[in-house]
Amino acid sequence: MSEGQHLYHPGIKIRLLFSLGILGVLALWIAVMYAVFGGEKFGIFMGIFAVYFAPGFGKESLIPIMTAAGCPLAAIVSGIVILDMTLAIIISFNFDLLLKIPVIGYALRYATDKSATALHDHPWVKGLAGTGLFLFMYIPFMGSSAIITTIIGRLLSVHPRVLLPVIFTGSLCATVTVAVGVQAVIALWFANPWYAVLAVIGVVIAGILLWKLWQKYITPRFAKDRK
């Protein structure tokens, strides 16, 4: 694909409206977090949320840390969803401009290469259209994130008015699922540690079985997209 293909080029007013709007929402959320938790807890929570931007950290690793630190479910869910949407909106509406910024542009090109690889490895994302993007955002695949999902959507020429609701829904569902699951395991641990261990083993086994079934019956139907 040639650079510049599949890029959405909105007008300056649209860029500013959505970009400043989501940054305003992020700033408001940070202000509310400070008002609710104050100095020390606020600093701890913001520090952990900042780790979300580091490579290798996703919902499945951040949410247990946040829960262990005492962060309420509402704060965890709202924070992760807002962070996901901030990244998705800024990339969706400013991708062409961000590519021109030296360090950020290099990182985006690297993310674009990873997105193309993920799309090749999971051809069903393209075959299932919006549902595929939702599943990619919802299920914690290696490399699955708001950034990668957004770029995959751009590679598939999905307009932001379709792509952003998909990312929002996927982020919300994934965050709630992981957060509620983590809290359930913690509750089981305090009731009886063996219950928690068995629950985790059961979830892992169920996940492996579902993935094997998906690979066997669903993925081959889209294998032609690799050619």
C-alpha atoms as a PDB file:
ATOM      1  CA  MET A   1       0.000   0.000   0.000  1.00  0.00           C
ATOM      2  CA  SER A   2       1.313   3.381  -0.852  1.00  0.00           C
ATOM      3  CA  GLU A   3       1.644   5.875   1.927  1.00  0.00           C
ATOM      4  CA  GLY A   4      -1.305   8.183   2.025  1.00  0.00           C
ATOM      5  CA  GLN A   5      -3.729   5.566   0.747  1.00  0.00           C
ATOM      6  CA  HIS A   6      -6.764   4.989   2.969  1.00  0.00           C
ATOM      7  CA  LEU A   7      -6.076   8.187   4.897  1.00  0.00           C
ATOM      8  CA  TYR A   8      -9.007  10.333   5.976  1.00  0.00           C
ATOM      9  CA  HIS A   9      -8.385  14.056   5.470  1.00  0.00           C
ATOM     10  CA  PRO A  10     -10.977  16.061   7.421  1.00  0.00           C
ATOM     11  CA  GLY A  11     -11.112  19.831   7.501  1.00  0.00           C
ATOM     12  CA  ILE A  12      -9.385  21.815  10.213  1.00  0.00           C
ATOM     13  CA  LYS A  13     -12.668  22.509  12.048  1.00  0.00           C
ATOM     14  CA  ILE A  14     -13.476  18.806  12.295  1.00  0.00           C
ATOM     15  CA  ARG A  15      -9.934  18.011  13.451  1.00  0.00           C
ATOM     16  CA  LEU A  16     -10.096  20.649  16.180  1.00  0.00           C
ATOM     17  CA  LEU A  17     -13.629  19.791  17.260  1.00  0.00           C
ATOM     18  CA  PHE A  18     -12.939  16.112  17.834  1.00  0.00           C
ATOM     19  CA  SER A  19      -9.314  16.367  18.984  1.00  0.00           C
ATOM     20  CA  LEU A  20      -9.856  19.198  21.472  1.00  0.00           C
ATOM     21  CA  GLY A  21     -13.169  17.685  22.498  1.00  0.00           C
ATOM     22  CA  ILE A  22     -11.681  14.344  23.552  1.00  0.00           C
ATOM     23  CA  LEU A  23      -8.701  16.072  25.200  1.00  0.00           C
ATOM     24  CA  GLY A  24     -11.225  18.150  27.140  1.00  0.00           C
ATOM     25  CA  VAL A  25     -12.992  14.975  28.268  1.00  0.00           C
ATOM     26  CA  LEU A  26      -9.648  13.510  29.337  1.00  0.00           C
ATOM     27  CA  ALA A  27      -8.765  16.676  31.281  1.00  0.00           C
ATOM     28  CA  LEU A  28     -12.186  16.667  32.976  1.00  0.00           C
ATOM     29  CA  TRP A  29     -11.753  13.021  33.973  1.00  0.00           C
ATOM     30  CA  ILE A  30      -8.319  13.776  35.470  1.00  0.00           C
ATOM     31  CA  ALA A  31      -9.801  16.717  37.409  1.00  0.00           C
ATOM     32  CA  VAL A  32     -12.600  14.525  38.772  1.00  0.00           C
ATOM     33  CA  MET A  33     -10.087  11.845  39.772  1.00  0.00           C
ATOM     34  CA  TYR A  34      -8.059  14.468  41.669  1.00  0.00           C
ATOM     35  CA  ALA A  35     -11.163  15.859  43.368  1.00  0.00           C
ATOM     36  CA  VAL A  36     -12.301  12.393  44.458  1.00  0.00           C
ATOM     37  CA  PHE A  37      -9.005  10.806  45.505  1.00  0.00           C
ATOM     38  CA  GLY A  38      -6.725  13.748  46.321  1.00  0.00           C
ATOM     39  CA  GLY A  39      -2.933  13.784  46.475  1.00  0.00           C
ATOM     40  CA  GLU A  40      -1.334  10.404  47.206  1.00  0.00           C
ATOM     41  CA  LYS A  41      -3.968   8.064  45.726  1.00  0.00           C
ATOM     42  CA  PHE A  42      -4.379  10.331  42.719  1.00  0.00           C
ATOM     43  CA  GLY A  43      -0.630  10.179  42.035  1.00  0.00           C
ATOM     44  CA  ILE A  44      -0.565   6.384  42.361  1.00  0.00           C
ATOM     45  CA  PHE A  45      -3.587   5.901  40.104  1.00  0.00           C
ATOM     46  CA  MET A  46      -2.323   8.301  37.427  1.00  0.00           C
ATOM     47  CA  GLY A  47       1.085   6.626  37.492  1.00  0.00           C
ATOM     48  CA  ILE A  48      -0.483   3.221  36.895  1.00  0.00           C
ATOM     49  CA  PHE A  49      -2.745   4.552  34.143  1.00  0.00           C
ATOM     50  CA  ALA A  50       0.327   6.055  32.462  1.00  0.00           C
ATOM     51  CA  VAL A  51       1.785   2.539  32.203  1.00  0.00           C
ATOM     52  CA  TYR A  52      -1.079   1.762  29.801  1.00  0.00           C
ATOM     53  CA  PHE A  53       0.872   3.615  27.106  1.00  0.00           C
ATOM     54  CA  ALA A  54       3.952   1.410  27.568  1.00  0.00           C
ATOM     55  CA  PRO A  55       4.506  -1.456  25.101  1.00  0.00           C
ATOM     56  CA  GLY A  56       3.385  -4.821  26.440  1.00  0.00           C
ATOM     57  CA  PHE A  57       0.797  -3.463  28.857  1.00  0.00           C
ATOM     58  CA  GLY A  58      -2.856  -3.986  28.079  1.00  0.00           C
ATOM     59  CA  LYS A  59      -6.156  -4.231  29.911  1.00  0.00           C
ATOM     60  CA  GLU A  60      -5.402  -7.763  31.081  1.00  0.00           C
ATOM     61  CA  SER A  61      -2.293  -6.538  32.935  1.00  0.00           C
ATOM     62  CA  LEU A  62      -3.303  -2.996  33.925  1.00  0.00           C
ATOM     63  CA  ILE A  63      -6.730  -3.782  35.434  1.00  0.00           C
ATOM     64  CA  PRO A  64      -5.443  -6.289  38.027  1.00  0.00           C
ATOM     65  CA  ILE A  65      -2.796  -3.749  39.090  1.00  0.00           C
ATOM     66  CA  MET A  66      -5.406  -0.994  39.380  1.00  0.00           C
ATOM     67  CA  THR A  67      -7.726  -3.275  41.335  1.00  0.00           C
ATOM     68  CA  ALA A  68      -4.922  -4.296  43.711  1.00  0.00           C
ATOM     69  CA  ALA A  69      -4.110  -0.603  44.234  1.00  0.00           C
ATOM     70  CA  GLY A  70      -7.680  -0.003  45.415  1.00  0.00           C
ATOM     71  CA  CYS A  71      -8.987   1.869  42.391  1.00  0.00           C
ATOM     72  CA  PRO A  72     -12.813   1.619  42.141  1.00  0.00           C
ATOM     73  CA  LEU A  73     -14.414  -0.181  39.205  1.00  0.00           C
ATOM     74  CA  ALA A  74     -16.024   3.005  37.855  1.00  0.00           C
ATOM     75  CA  ALA A  75     -12.671   4.813  37.791  1.00  0.00           C
ATOM     76  CA  ILE A  76     -10.947   1.890  36.067  1.00  0.00           C
ATOM     77  CA  VAL A  77     -13.603   1.504  33.370  1.00  0.00           C
ATOM     78  CA  SER A  78     -14.009   5.221  32.674  1.00  0.00           C
ATOM     79  CA  GLY A  79     -10.258   5.797  32.635  1.00  0.00           C
ATOM     80  CA  ILE A  80      -9.361   3.020  30.213  1.00  0.00           C
ATOM     81  CA  VAL A  81     -12.245   3.780  27.870  1.00  0.00           C
ATOM     82  CA  ILE A  82     -11.374   7.489  27.806  1.00  0.00           C
ATOM     83  CA  LEU A  83      -7.694   6.705  27.172  1.00  0.00           C
ATOM     84  CA  ASP A  84      -8.648   4.327  24.346  1.00  0.00           C
ATOM     85  CA  MET A  85     -10.969   6.886  22.774  1.00  0.00           C
ATOM     86  CA  THR A  86      -8.380   9.665  23.122  1.00  0.00           C
ATOM     87  CA  LEU A  87      -5.864   7.627  21.151  1.00  0.00           C
ATOM     88  CA  ALA A  88      -8.456   6.460  18.616  1.00  0.00           C
ATOM     89  CA  ILE A  89      -9.895   9.912  17.928  1.00  0.00           C
ATOM     90  CA  ILE A  90      -6.569  11.721  17.672  1.00  0.00           C
ATOM     91  CA  ILE A  91      -5.203   9.070  15.293  1.00  0.00           C
ATOM     92  CA  SER A  92      -8.410   8.878  13.234  1.00  0.00           C
ATOM     93  CA  PHE A  93      -8.648  12.595  12.592  1.00  0.00           C
ATOM     94  CA  ASN A  94      -4.959  13.500  12.472  1.00  0.00           C
ATOM     95  CA  PHE A  95      -3.182  10.443  11.066  1.00  0.00           C
ATOM     96  CA  ASP A  96      -1.742  12.281   8.064  1.00  0.00           C
ATOM     97  CA  LEU A  97      -0.437  15.128  10.245  1.00  0.00           C
ATOM     98  CA  LEU A  98       0.994  12.845  12.924  1.00  0.00           C
ATOM     99  CA  LEU A  99       3.008  10.986  10.278  1.00  0.00           C
ATOM    100  CA  LYS A 100       4.944  14.199   9.621  1.00  0.00           C
ATOM    101  CA  ILE A 101       6.107  14.559  13.246  1.00  0.00           C
ATOM    102  CA  PRO A 102       9.560  12.891  13.522  1.00  0.00           C
ATOM    103  CA  VAL A 103       9.255  10.633  16.584  1.00  0.00           C
ATOM    104  CA  ILE A 104       5.482  10.184  16.529  1.00  0.00           C
ATOM    105  CA  GLY A 105       5.529   9.564  12.777  1.00  0.00           C
ATOM    106  CA  TYR A 106       8.124   6.831  13.163  1.00  0.00           C
ATOM    107  CA  ALA A 107       6.082   5.203  15.943  1.00  0.00           C
ATOM    108  CA  LEU A 108       2.931   5.351  13.818  1.00  0.00           C
ATOM    109  CA  ARG A 109       4.686   3.799  10.841  1.00  0.00           C
ATOM    110  CA  TYR A 110       5.882   1.003  13.117  1.00  0.00           C
ATOM    111  CA  ALA A 111       2.322   0.585  14.452  1.00  0.00           C
ATOM    112  CA  THR A 112       1.037   0.554  10.874  1.00  0.00           C
ATOM    113  CA  ASP A 113       3.427  -2.287  10.013  1.00  0.00           C
ATOM    114  CA  LYS A 114       2.205  -4.190  13.086  1.00  0.00           C
ATOM    115  CA  SER A 115      -1.390  -3.507  12.073  1.00  0.00           C
ATOM    116  CA  ALA A 116      -0.789  -4.836   8.567  1.00  0.00           C
ATOM    117  CA  THR A 117       0.794  -7.962  10.073  1.00  0.00           C
ATOM    118  CA  ALA A 118      -2.131  -8.406  12.460  1.00  0.00           C
ATOM    119  CA  LEU A 119      -4.567  -8.009   9.564  1.00  0.00           C
ATOM    120  CA  HIS A 120      -2.650 -10.650   7.612  1.00  0.00           C
ATOM    121  CA  ASP A 121      -2.570 -13.010  10.593  1.00  0.00           C
ATOM    122  CA  HIS A 122      -6.277 -12.476  11.337  1.00  0.00           C
ATOM    123  CA  PRO A 123      -7.961 -12.185   7.924  1.00  0.00           C
ATOM    124  CA  TRP A 124     -11.379 -12.651   9.540  1.00  0.00           C
ATOM    125  CA  VAL A 125     -11.122  -9.055  10.812  1.00  0.00           C
ATOM    126  CA  LYS A 126     -11.555  -7.859   7.243  1.00  0.00           C
ATOM    127  CA  GLY A 127     -14.050 -10.587   6.379  1.00  0.00           C
ATOM    128  CA  LEU A 128     -16.309  -9.784   9.338  1.00  0.00           C
ATOM    129  CA  ALA A 129     -16.069  -6.008   8.750  1.00  0.00           C
ATOM    130  CA  GLY A 130     -17.298  -4.021  11.780  1.00  0.00           C
ATOM    131  CA  THR A 131     -17.922  -7.175  13.802  1.00  0.00           C
ATOM    132  CA  GLY A 132     -14.346  -8.269  13.122  1.00  0.00           C
ATOM    133  CA  LEU A 133     -12.968  -4.959  14.363  1.00  0.00           C
ATOM    134  CA  PHE A 134     -15.137  -5.208  17.479  1.00  0.00           C
ATOM    135  CA  LEU A 135     -13.916  -8.739  18.224  1.00  0.00           C
ATOM    136  CA  PHE A 136     -10.314  -7.693  17.609  1.00  0.00           C
ATOM    137  CA  MET A 137     -10.755  -4.824  20.069  1.00  0.00           C
ATOM    138  CA  TYR A 138     -12.649  -6.943  22.597  1.00  0.00           C
ATOM    139  CA  ILE A 139     -10.536 -10.109  22.702  1.00  0.00           C
ATOM    140  CA  PRO A 140      -6.997  -9.558  24.087  1.00  0.00           C
ATOM    141  CA  PHE A 141      -5.060 -10.805  21.047  1.00  0.00           C
ATOM    142  CA  MET A 142      -1.353 -10.096  20.912  1.00  0.00           C
ATOM    143  CA  GLY A 143      -1.045  -6.561  19.545  1.00  0.00           C
ATOM    144  CA  SER A 144      -4.744  -5.812  19.961  1.00  0.00           C
ATOM    145  CA  SER A 145      -5.213  -2.254  21.236  1.00  0.00           C
ATOM    146  CA  ALA A 146      -7.015   0.984  20.459  1.00  0.00           C
ATOM    147  CA  ILE A 147      -4.041   2.161  18.383  1.00  0.00           C
ATOM    148  CA  ILE A 148      -3.722  -1.022  16.323  1.00  0.00           C
ATOM    149  CA  THR A 149      -7.492  -1.370  15.882  1.00  0.00           C
ATOM    150  CA  THR A 150      -7.756   2.244  14.747  1.00  0.00           C
ATOM    151  CA  ILE A 151      -4.969   1.828  12.200  1.00  0.00           C
ATOM    152  CA  ILE A 152      -6.472  -1.437  10.930  1.00  0.00           C
ATOM    153  CA  GLY A 153      -9.730   0.421  10.465  1.00  0.00           C
ATOM    154  CA  ARG A 154      -7.908   3.098   8.483  1.00  0.00           C
ATOM    155  CA  LEU A 155      -6.160   0.443   6.364  1.00  0.00           C
ATOM    156  CA  LEU A 156      -9.596  -0.988   5.587  1.00  0.00           C
ATOM    157  CA  SER A 157     -10.895   2.507   4.734  1.00  0.00           C
ATOM    158  CA  VAL A 158     -13.444   2.416   7.562  1.00  0.00           C
ATOM    159  CA  HIS A 159     -14.755   5.939   8.185  1.00  0.00           C
ATOM    160  CA  PRO A 160     -14.305   7.304  11.742  1.00  0.00           C
ATOM    161  CA  ARG A 161     -18.086   7.593  12.188  1.00  0.00           C
ATOM    162  CA  VAL A 162     -18.187   3.786  11.928  1.00  0.00           C
ATOM    163  CA  LEU A 163     -14.783   2.965  13.403  1.00  0.00           C
ATOM    164  CA  LEU A 164     -15.005   5.056  16.591  1.00  0.00           C
ATOM    165  CA  PRO A 165     -18.298   3.578  17.882  1.00  0.00           C
ATOM    166  CA  VAL A 166     -16.858   0.110  17.276  1.00  0.00           C
ATOM    167  CA  ILE A 167     -13.720   0.955  19.262  1.00  0.00           C
ATOM    168  CA  PHE A 168     -15.765   2.546  22.055  1.00  0.00           C
ATOM    169  CA  THR A 169     -18.038  -0.498  22.351  1.00  0.00           C
ATOM    170  CA  GLY A 170     -15.123  -2.935  22.177  1.00  0.00           C
ATOM    171  CA  SER A 171     -13.127  -0.999  24.767  1.00  0.00           C
ATOM    172  CA  LEU A 172     -16.087  -0.711  27.148  1.00  0.00           C
ATOM    173  CA  CYS A 173     -17.044  -4.389  26.875  1.00  0.00           C
ATOM    174  CA  ALA A 174     -13.452  -5.600  27.211  1.00  0.00           C
ATOM    175  CA  THR A 175     -12.718  -3.363  30.203  1.00  0.00           C
ATOM    176  CA  VAL A 176     -15.900  -4.311  32.052  1.00  0.00           C
ATOM    177  CA  THR A 177     -15.357  -8.014  31.351  1.00  0.00           C
ATOM    178  CA  VAL A 178     -11.774  -8.023  32.634  1.00  0.00           C
ATOM    179  CA  ALA A 179     -12.511  -5.751  35.618  1.00  0.00           C
ATOM    180  CA  VAL A 180     -15.536  -7.744  36.786  1.00  0.00           C
ATOM    181  CA  GLY A 181     -13.612 -10.982  36.247  1.00  0.00           C
ATOM    182  CA  VAL A 182     -10.669  -9.758  38.313  1.00  0.00           C
ATOM    183  CA  GLN A 183     -12.948  -8.638  41.153  1.00  0.00           C
ATOM    184  CA  ALA A 184     -14.748 -11.993  41.075  1.00  0.00           C
ATOM    185  CA  VAL A 185     -11.441 -13.878  41.335  1.00  0.00           C
ATOM    186  CA  ILE A 186     -10.353 -11.675  44.249  1.00  0.00           C
ATOM    187  CA  ALA A 187     -13.664 -12.319  46.031  1.00  0.00           C
ATOM    188  CA  LEU A 188     -13.250 -16.069  45.484  1.00  0.00           C
ATOM    189  CA  TRP A 189      -9.679 -15.889  46.790  1.00  0.00           C
ATOM    190  CA  PHE A 190     -10.825 -14.410  50.089  1.00  0.00           C
ATOM    191  CA  ALA A 191     -13.610 -17.002  50.320  1.00  0.00           C
ATOM    192  CA  ASN A 192     -11.290 -19.896  49.448  1.00  0.00           C
ATOM    193  CA  PRO A 193      -8.031 -19.599  47.470  1.00  0.00           C
ATOM    194  CA  TRP A 194      -8.724 -22.889  45.710  1.00  0.00           C
ATOM    195  CA  TYR A 195     -11.956 -21.473  44.276  1.00  0.00           C
ATOM    196  CA  ALA A 196      -9.977 -18.625  42.722  1.00  0.00           C
ATOM    197  CA  VAL A 197      -7.326 -20.973  41.310  1.00  0.00           C
ATOM    198  CA  LEU A 198      -9.952 -23.281  39.806  1.00  0.00           C
ATOM    199  CA  ALA A 199     -11.856 -20.333  38.355  1.00  0.00           C
ATOM    200  CA  VAL A 200      -8.736 -18.986  36.629  1.00  0.00           C
ATOM    201  CA  ILE A 201      -7.847 -22.437  35.299  1.00  0.00           C
ATOM    202  CA  GLY A 202     -11.403 -22.859  34.026  1.00  0.00           C
ATOM    203  CA  VAL A 203     -11.323 -19.513  32.208  1.00  0.00           C
ATOM    204  CA  VAL A 204      -7.937 -20.299  30.640  1.00  0.00           C
ATOM    205  CA  ILE A 205      -9.100 -23.720  29.460  1.00  0.00           C
ATOM    206  CA  ALA A 206     -12.348 -22.285  28.073  1.00  0.00           C
ATOM    207  CA  GLY A 207     -10.392 -19.556  26.275  1.00  0.00           C
ATOM    208  CA  ILE A 208      -7.999 -22.078  24.722  1.00  0.00           C
ATOM    209  CA  LEU A 209     -10.870 -24.312  23.572  1.00  0.00           C
ATOM    210  CA  LEU A 210     -12.760 -21.381  22.043  1.00  0.00           C
ATOM    211  CA  TRP A 211      -9.610 -20.200  20.273  1.00  0.00           C
ATOM    212  CA  LYS A 212      -8.947 -23.692  18.904  1.00  0.00           C
ATOM    213  CA  LEU A 213     -12.534 -23.951  17.639  1.00  0.00           C
ATOM    214  CA  TRP A 214     -12.244 -20.479  16.099  1.00  0.00           C
ATOM    215  CA  GLN A 215      -9.002 -21.424  14.381  1.00  0.00           C
ATOM    216  CA  LYS A 216     -10.494 -24.671  13.102  1.00  0.00           C
ATOM    217  CA  TYR A 217     -13.897 -23.520  11.871  1.00  0.00           C
ATOM    218  CA  ILE A 218     -13.827 -19.737  11.381  1.00  0.00           C
ATOM    219  CA  THR A 219     -10.320 -18.669  10.349  1.00  0.00           C
ATOM    220  CA  PRO A 220     -10.056 -21.056   7.336  1.00  0.00           C
ATOM    221  CA  ARG A 221     -13.101 -19.383   5.783  1.00  0.00           C
ATOM    222  CA  PHE A 222     -11.070 -16.208   5.374  1.00  0.00           C
ATOM    223  CA  ALA A 223      -7.729 -17.828   4.507  1.00  0.00           C
ATOM    224  CA  LYS A 224      -8.072 -16.678   0.897  1.00  0.00           C
ATOM    225  CA  ASP A 225      -7.473 -13.107   2.107  1.00  0.00           C
ATOM    226  CA  ARG A 226      -3.854 -14.055   2.799  1.00  0.00           C
ATOM    227  CA  LYS A 227      -3.163 -14.696  -0.873  1.00  0.00           C
END
